Amino acid sequence: MTETKRPINIHKGYHAHVYFDADTLEFASGLCSRAGELFGLKVGRVHQKPIGPHPKWSCQITFAGKHFDEFIPWIDKNRNGLTVLVHALTGDNLKDHTDYAYWLGDSVELELSIFAD
């Protein structure tokens, strides 16, 4: 069994994708909004369908390495059981979603075929 990789602060930029479903939509939306307000982060749309490599409903939060040490413990503490994918922004989408993908909660299999050349 492979151990889930926890987020580490070694990159300049990151996305956090909060995964949710119909039952947790309201909570997840509020969590993402609070993260944006508390940390001054860019919060994307709340997607109520799978989008890109993400097989679940999700909301994206963009943040820099300088926010990592405050933001990651906060979202981990406040995610209330939701899964959060945290991945680097290096310009290589495949590596960002594989080698540089980290998880809060259970990992989810991503749809990586969209990154095939």
N, C-alpha and C. Protein backbone atom coordinates (compact mmCIF):
# COMPACT_ATOMS: atom_id res chain seq x y z
N MET A 1 0.84 -1.19 0.00
CA MET A 1 0.00 0.00 0.00
C MET A 1 0.88 1.25 0.00
N THR A 2 0.56 2.20 -0.85
CA THR A 2 1.32 3.43 -0.95
C THR A 2 0.84 4.43 0.10
N GLU A 3 1.77 5.06 0.77
CA GLU A 3 1.43 6.07 1.77
C GLU A 3 1.03 7.36 1.08
N THR A 4 -0.01 8.01 1.59
CA THR A 4 -0.47 9.28 1.04
C THR A 4 0.57 10.35 1.34
N LYS A 5 0.95 11.10 0.31
CA LYS A 5 1.95 12.17 0.48
C LYS A 5 1.27 13.40 1.07
N ARG A 6 1.79 13.84 2.19
CA ARG A 6 1.30 15.06 2.84
C ARG A 6 1.99 16.27 2.20
N PRO A 7 1.31 17.43 2.20
CA PRO A 7 1.90 18.63 1.59
C PRO A 7 3.22 19.04 2.24
N ILE A 8 4.15 19.46 1.38
CA ILE A 8 5.42 20.01 1.85
C ILE A 8 5.68 21.33 1.12
N ASN A 9 6.31 22.23 1.79
CA ASN A 9 6.52 23.58 1.27
C ASN A 9 7.88 23.68 0.57
N ILE A 10 7.91 23.24 -0.70
CA ILE A 10 9.16 23.29 -1.46
C ILE A 10 8.99 23.95 -2.83
N HIS A 11 7.81 24.49 -3.09
CA HIS A 11 7.53 25.09 -4.40
C HIS A 11 7.15 26.56 -4.22
N LYS A 12 7.21 27.32 -5.30
CA LYS A 12 6.86 28.75 -5.25
C LYS A 12 5.36 28.97 -5.21
N GLY A 13 4.61 28.14 -5.93
CA GLY A 13 3.17 28.31 -6.01
C GLY A 13 2.44 26.99 -5.96
N TYR A 14 1.17 27.06 -5.56
CA TYR A 14 0.35 25.87 -5.37
C TYR A 14 -1.11 26.14 -5.74
N HIS A 15 -1.81 25.05 -6.00
CA HIS A 15 -3.26 25.01 -6.00
C HIS A 15 -3.68 24.06 -4.89
N ALA A 16 -4.75 24.41 -4.21
CA ALA A 16 -5.44 23.47 -3.32
C ALA A 16 -6.81 23.26 -3.94
N HIS A 17 -7.17 22.02 -4.18
CA HIS A 17 -8.49 21.68 -4.72
C HIS A 17 -9.27 20.99 -3.62
N VAL A 18 -10.32 21.65 -3.15
CA VAL A 18 -11.19 21.09 -2.13
C VAL A 18 -12.26 20.28 -2.85
N TYR A 19 -12.34 18.99 -2.54
CA TYR A 19 -13.31 18.09 -3.16
C TYR A 19 -14.54 17.95 -2.26
N PHE A 20 -15.71 17.89 -2.90
CA PHE A 20 -16.96 17.80 -2.15
C PHE A 20 -18.03 17.16 -3.02
N ASP A 21 -19.22 17.01 -2.47
CA ASP A 21 -20.36 16.49 -3.22
C ASP A 21 -21.59 17.31 -2.85
N ALA A 22 -22.76 16.87 -3.27
CA ALA A 22 -23.99 17.63 -3.04
C ALA A 22 -24.24 17.84 -1.54
N ASP A 23 -23.91 16.83 -0.73
CA ASP A 23 -24.16 16.93 0.70
C ASP A 23 -23.22 17.90 1.41
N THR A 24 -22.05 18.13 0.85
CA THR A 24 -21.05 18.99 1.51
C THR A 24 -20.80 20.28 0.74
N LEU A 25 -21.62 20.55 -0.27
CA LEU A 25 -21.46 21.75 -1.11
C LEU A 25 -21.44 23.04 -0.30
N GLU A 26 -22.41 23.22 0.56
CA GLU A 26 -22.50 24.47 1.33
C GLU A 26 -21.29 24.63 2.25
N PHE A 27 -20.90 23.57 2.93
CA PHE A 27 -19.73 23.63 3.81
C PHE A 27 -18.47 23.96 3.01
N ALA A 28 -18.26 23.24 1.90
CA ALA A 28 -17.05 23.45 1.09
C ALA A 28 -16.99 24.86 0.53
N SER A 29 -18.11 25.38 0.06
CA SER A 29 -18.15 26.75 -0.47
C SER A 29 -17.75 27.75 0.60
N GLY A 30 -18.28 27.56 1.80
CA GLY A 30 -17.94 28.44 2.91
C GLY A 30 -16.48 28.33 3.31
N LEU A 31 -15.96 27.11 3.31
CA LEU A 31 -14.55 26.89 3.65
C LEU A 31 -13.65 27.63 2.68
N CYS A 32 -13.93 27.49 1.39
CA CYS A 32 -13.10 28.16 0.37
C CYS A 32 -13.21 29.68 0.49
N SER A 33 -14.41 30.18 0.71
CA SER A 33 -14.59 31.63 0.88
C SER A 33 -13.81 32.15 2.08
N ARG A 34 -13.91 31.43 3.20
CA ARG A 34 -13.17 31.85 4.40
C ARG A 34 -11.67 31.84 4.17
N ALA A 35 -11.18 30.83 3.46
CA ALA A 35 -9.74 30.76 3.16
C ALA A 35 -9.31 31.98 2.37
N GLY A 36 -10.10 32.35 1.38
CA GLY A 36 -9.79 33.53 0.57
C GLY A 36 -9.75 34.79 1.41
N GLU A 37 -10.74 34.94 2.28
CA GLU A 37 -10.83 36.14 3.13
C GLU A 37 -9.71 36.19 4.17
N LEU A 38 -9.48 35.08 4.86
CA LEU A 38 -8.49 35.05 5.94
C LEU A 38 -7.05 35.22 5.46
N PHE A 39 -6.75 34.63 4.30
CA PHE A 39 -5.37 34.59 3.83
C PHE A 39 -5.12 35.44 2.59
N GLY A 40 -6.16 36.10 2.08
CA GLY A 40 -6.01 36.92 0.89
C GLY A 40 -5.68 36.11 -0.35
N LEU A 41 -6.27 34.91 -0.46
CA LEU A 41 -5.96 33.99 -1.55
C LEU A 41 -7.01 34.08 -2.65
N LYS A 42 -6.60 33.72 -3.86
CA LYS A 42 -7.52 33.69 -4.99
C LYS A 42 -8.31 32.38 -4.96
N VAL A 43 -9.63 32.51 -4.91
CA VAL A 43 -10.52 31.36 -4.86
C VAL A 43 -11.27 31.29 -6.19
N GLY A 44 -11.20 30.13 -6.81
CA GLY A 44 -11.87 29.93 -8.09
C GLY A 44 -13.34 29.59 -7.91
N ARG A 45 -13.97 29.25 -9.02
CA ARG A 45 -15.39 28.90 -8.99
C ARG A 45 -15.60 27.57 -8.27
N VAL A 46 -16.79 27.41 -7.77
CA VAL A 46 -17.22 26.15 -7.17
C VAL A 46 -17.82 25.33 -8.30
N HIS A 47 -17.14 24.26 -8.67
CA HIS A 47 -17.56 23.41 -9.79
C HIS A 47 -18.42 22.27 -9.28
N GLN A 48 -19.66 22.21 -9.73
CA GLN A 48 -20.57 21.16 -9.33
C GLN A 48 -20.61 20.06 -10.39
N LYS A 49 -19.44 19.72 -10.88
CA LYS A 49 -19.24 18.62 -11.82
C LYS A 49 -17.73 18.38 -11.88
N PRO A 50 -17.31 17.20 -12.31
CA PRO A 50 -15.88 16.97 -12.49
C PRO A 50 -15.35 17.89 -13.59
N ILE A 51 -14.15 18.41 -13.39
CA ILE A 51 -13.56 19.31 -14.37
C ILE A 51 -12.05 19.05 -14.43
N GLY A 52 -11.50 19.06 -15.63
CA GLY A 52 -10.07 18.78 -15.81
C GLY A 52 -9.73 17.40 -15.28
N PRO A 53 -8.64 17.30 -14.54
CA PRO A 53 -8.24 16.00 -14.01
C PRO A 53 -8.99 15.60 -12.74
N HIS A 54 -9.87 16.47 -12.28
CA HIS A 54 -10.53 16.27 -10.98
C HIS A 54 -11.82 15.48 -11.14
N PRO A 55 -11.87 14.27 -10.57
CA PRO A 55 -13.02 13.38 -10.77
C PRO A 55 -14.22 13.70 -9.87
N LYS A 56 -14.08 14.71 -9.03
CA LYS A 56 -15.15 15.10 -8.12
C LYS A 56 -15.44 16.59 -8.27
N TRP A 57 -16.53 17.03 -7.69
CA TRP A 57 -16.82 18.46 -7.61
C TRP A 57 -15.67 19.09 -6.82
N SER A 58 -15.31 20.34 -7.19
CA SER A 58 -14.16 20.94 -6.52
C SER A 58 -14.19 22.46 -6.59
N CYS A 59 -13.37 23.04 -5.75
CA CYS A 59 -13.09 24.47 -5.76
C CYS A 59 -11.59 24.64 -5.60
N GLN A 60 -11.01 25.50 -6.43
CA GLN A 60 -9.57 25.71 -6.46
C GLN A 60 -9.18 26.96 -5.68
N ILE A 61 -8.15 26.83 -4.87
CA ILE A 61 -7.57 27.96 -4.14
C ILE A 61 -6.11 28.06 -4.57
N THR A 62 -5.71 29.23 -5.04
CA THR A 62 -4.34 29.46 -5.49
C THR A 62 -3.57 30.18 -4.38
N PHE A 63 -2.36 29.66 -4.09
CA PHE A 63 -1.57 30.31 -3.04
C PHE A 63 -0.08 30.14 -3.32
N ALA A 64 0.70 30.99 -2.71
CA ALA A 64 2.16 30.98 -2.86
C ALA A 64 2.80 30.26 -1.68
N GLY A 65 4.05 29.87 -1.88
CA GLY A 65 4.80 29.21 -0.82
C GLY A 65 4.83 30.03 0.46
N LYS A 66 4.80 31.35 0.34
CA LYS A 66 4.85 32.20 1.54
C LYS A 66 3.58 32.07 2.40
N HIS A 67 2.47 31.57 1.83
CA HIS A 67 1.24 31.36 2.58
C HIS A 67 1.11 29.94 3.14
N PHE A 68 1.98 29.04 2.64
CA PHE A 68 1.87 27.62 2.92
C PHE A 68 1.80 27.32 4.42
N ASP A 69 2.75 27.83 5.19
CA ASP A 69 2.89 27.44 6.60
C ASP A 69 1.72 27.87 7.48
N GLU A 70 0.95 28.85 7.05
CA GLU A 70 -0.26 29.23 7.78
C GLU A 70 -1.50 28.59 7.17
N PHE A 71 -1.58 28.58 5.84
CA PHE A 71 -2.78 28.11 5.17
C PHE A 71 -2.99 26.60 5.28
N ILE A 72 -1.96 25.81 5.04
CA ILE A 72 -2.12 24.35 5.02
C ILE A 72 -2.59 23.81 6.39
N PRO A 73 -1.97 24.19 7.51
CA PRO A 73 -2.50 23.70 8.79
C PRO A 73 -3.94 24.17 9.04
N TRP A 74 -4.26 25.39 8.61
CA TRP A 74 -5.62 25.90 8.81
C TRP A 74 -6.63 25.08 8.03
N ILE A 75 -6.37 24.85 6.74
CA ILE A 75 -7.35 24.12 5.94
C ILE A 75 -7.42 22.66 6.38
N ASP A 76 -6.31 22.09 6.81
CA ASP A 76 -6.32 20.72 7.30
C ASP A 76 -7.20 20.61 8.55
N LYS A 77 -7.06 21.56 9.44
CA LYS A 77 -7.85 21.56 10.68
C LYS A 77 -9.33 21.80 10.42
N ASN A 78 -9.65 22.60 9.40
CA ASN A 78 -11.03 23.04 9.18
C ASN A 78 -11.76 22.31 8.05
N ARG A 79 -11.14 21.34 7.40
CA ARG A 79 -11.74 20.69 6.22
C ARG A 79 -12.86 19.72 6.58
N ASN A 80 -13.00 19.37 7.85
CA ASN A 80 -14.12 18.56 8.32
C ASN A 80 -14.29 17.27 7.53
N GLY A 81 -13.19 16.59 7.25
CA GLY A 81 -13.25 15.32 6.55
C GLY A 81 -13.19 15.39 5.03
N LEU A 82 -13.26 16.59 4.46
CA LEU A 82 -13.17 16.72 3.01
C LEU A 82 -11.75 16.39 2.55
N THR A 83 -11.63 15.87 1.36
CA THR A 83 -10.32 15.62 0.75
C THR A 83 -9.86 16.89 0.07
N VAL A 84 -8.57 17.22 0.23
CA VAL A 84 -7.97 18.37 -0.43
C VAL A 84 -6.71 17.91 -1.15
N LEU A 85 -6.68 18.14 -2.45
CA LEU A 85 -5.47 17.93 -3.24
C LEU A 85 -4.68 19.22 -3.22
N VAL A 86 -3.43 19.14 -2.86
CA VAL A 86 -2.52 20.29 -2.91
C VAL A 86 -1.43 19.92 -3.91
N HIS A 87 -1.28 20.74 -4.95
CA HIS A 87 -0.23 20.42 -5.93
C HIS A 87 0.55 21.67 -6.31
N ALA A 88 1.78 21.43 -6.71
CA ALA A 88 2.68 22.52 -7.12
C ALA A 88 2.23 23.12 -8.44
N LEU A 89 2.71 24.33 -8.69
CA LEU A 89 2.52 25.01 -9.98
C LEU A 89 3.89 25.24 -10.59
N THR A 90 4.39 24.25 -11.32
CA THR A 90 5.73 24.35 -11.91
C THR A 90 5.70 24.63 -13.40
N GLY A 91 4.51 24.52 -14.01
CA GLY A 91 4.40 24.66 -15.45
C GLY A 91 4.34 23.31 -16.16
N ASP A 92 4.57 22.23 -15.43
CA ASP A 92 4.47 20.88 -15.98
C ASP A 92 3.24 20.23 -15.33
N ASN A 93 2.09 20.31 -16.01
CA ASN A 93 0.83 19.85 -15.43
C ASN A 93 0.86 18.39 -15.00
N LEU A 94 1.48 17.53 -15.79
CA LEU A 94 1.52 16.13 -15.43
C LEU A 94 2.30 15.92 -14.14
N LYS A 95 3.50 16.49 -14.06
CA LYS A 95 4.29 16.35 -12.83
C LYS A 95 3.59 17.00 -11.64
N ASP A 96 2.96 18.16 -11.89
CA ASP A 96 2.26 18.84 -10.79
C ASP A 96 1.16 17.97 -10.19
N HIS A 97 0.49 17.18 -11.03
CA HIS A 97 -0.62 16.36 -10.57
C HIS A 97 -0.21 14.93 -10.23
N THR A 98 1.08 14.63 -10.30
CA THR A 98 1.59 13.29 -9.93
C THR A 98 2.72 13.44 -8.93
N ASP A 99 3.91 13.77 -9.41
CA ASP A 99 5.09 13.86 -8.54
C ASP A 99 4.93 14.92 -7.45
N TYR A 100 4.26 16.01 -7.78
CA TYR A 100 4.13 17.14 -6.84
C TYR A 100 2.71 17.27 -6.32
N ALA A 101 1.99 16.15 -6.25
CA ALA A 101 0.62 16.12 -5.72
C ALA A 101 0.67 15.62 -4.28
N TYR A 102 0.00 16.33 -3.40
CA TYR A 102 -0.02 16.02 -1.98
C TYR A 102 -1.48 16.03 -1.52
N TRP A 103 -1.77 15.32 -0.43
CA TRP A 103 -3.16 15.13 -0.03
C TRP A 103 -3.39 15.44 1.44
N LEU A 104 -4.53 16.06 1.71
CA LEU A 104 -5.10 16.17 3.04
C LEU A 104 -6.34 15.31 2.98
N GLY A 105 -6.38 14.26 3.76
CA GLY A 105 -7.47 13.29 3.65
C GLY A 105 -7.09 12.20 2.68
N ASP A 106 -8.08 11.46 2.24
CA ASP A 106 -7.84 10.34 1.33
C ASP A 106 -7.47 10.83 -0.06
N SER A 107 -6.50 10.16 -0.68
CA SER A 107 -6.16 10.50 -2.05
C SER A 107 -7.26 10.02 -2.99
N VAL A 108 -7.33 10.65 -4.16
CA VAL A 108 -8.33 10.35 -5.17
C VAL A 108 -7.59 10.13 -6.48
N GLU A 109 -8.02 9.17 -7.26
CA GLU A 109 -7.38 8.93 -8.55
C GLU A 109 -7.79 10.02 -9.53
N LEU A 110 -6.81 10.72 -10.08
CA LEU A 110 -7.06 11.81 -11.01
C LEU A 110 -7.15 11.30 -12.43
N GLU A 111 -7.81 12.05 -13.30
CA GLU A 111 -7.92 11.73 -14.72
C GLU A 111 -6.74 12.37 -15.44
N LEU A 112 -5.63 11.66 -15.46
CA LEU A 112 -4.36 12.21 -15.97
C LEU A 112 -4.24 12.15 -17.49
N SER A 113 -5.12 11.46 -18.18
CA SER A 113 -5.03 11.34 -19.63
C SER A 113 -5.16 12.69 -20.32
N ILE A 114 -5.74 13.68 -19.66
CA ILE A 114 -5.87 15.01 -20.29
C ILE A 114 -4.52 15.68 -20.49
N PHE A 115 -3.50 15.18 -19.80
CA PHE A 115 -2.16 15.77 -19.92
C PHE A 115 -1.29 15.05 -20.95
N ALA A 116 -1.83 14.04 -21.60
CA ALA A 116 -1.05 13.29 -22.61
C ALA A 116 -0.80 14.16 -23.83
N ASP A 117 0.37 14.04 -24.40
CA ASP A 117 0.73 14.83 -25.59
C ASP A 117 0.12 14.26 -26.84
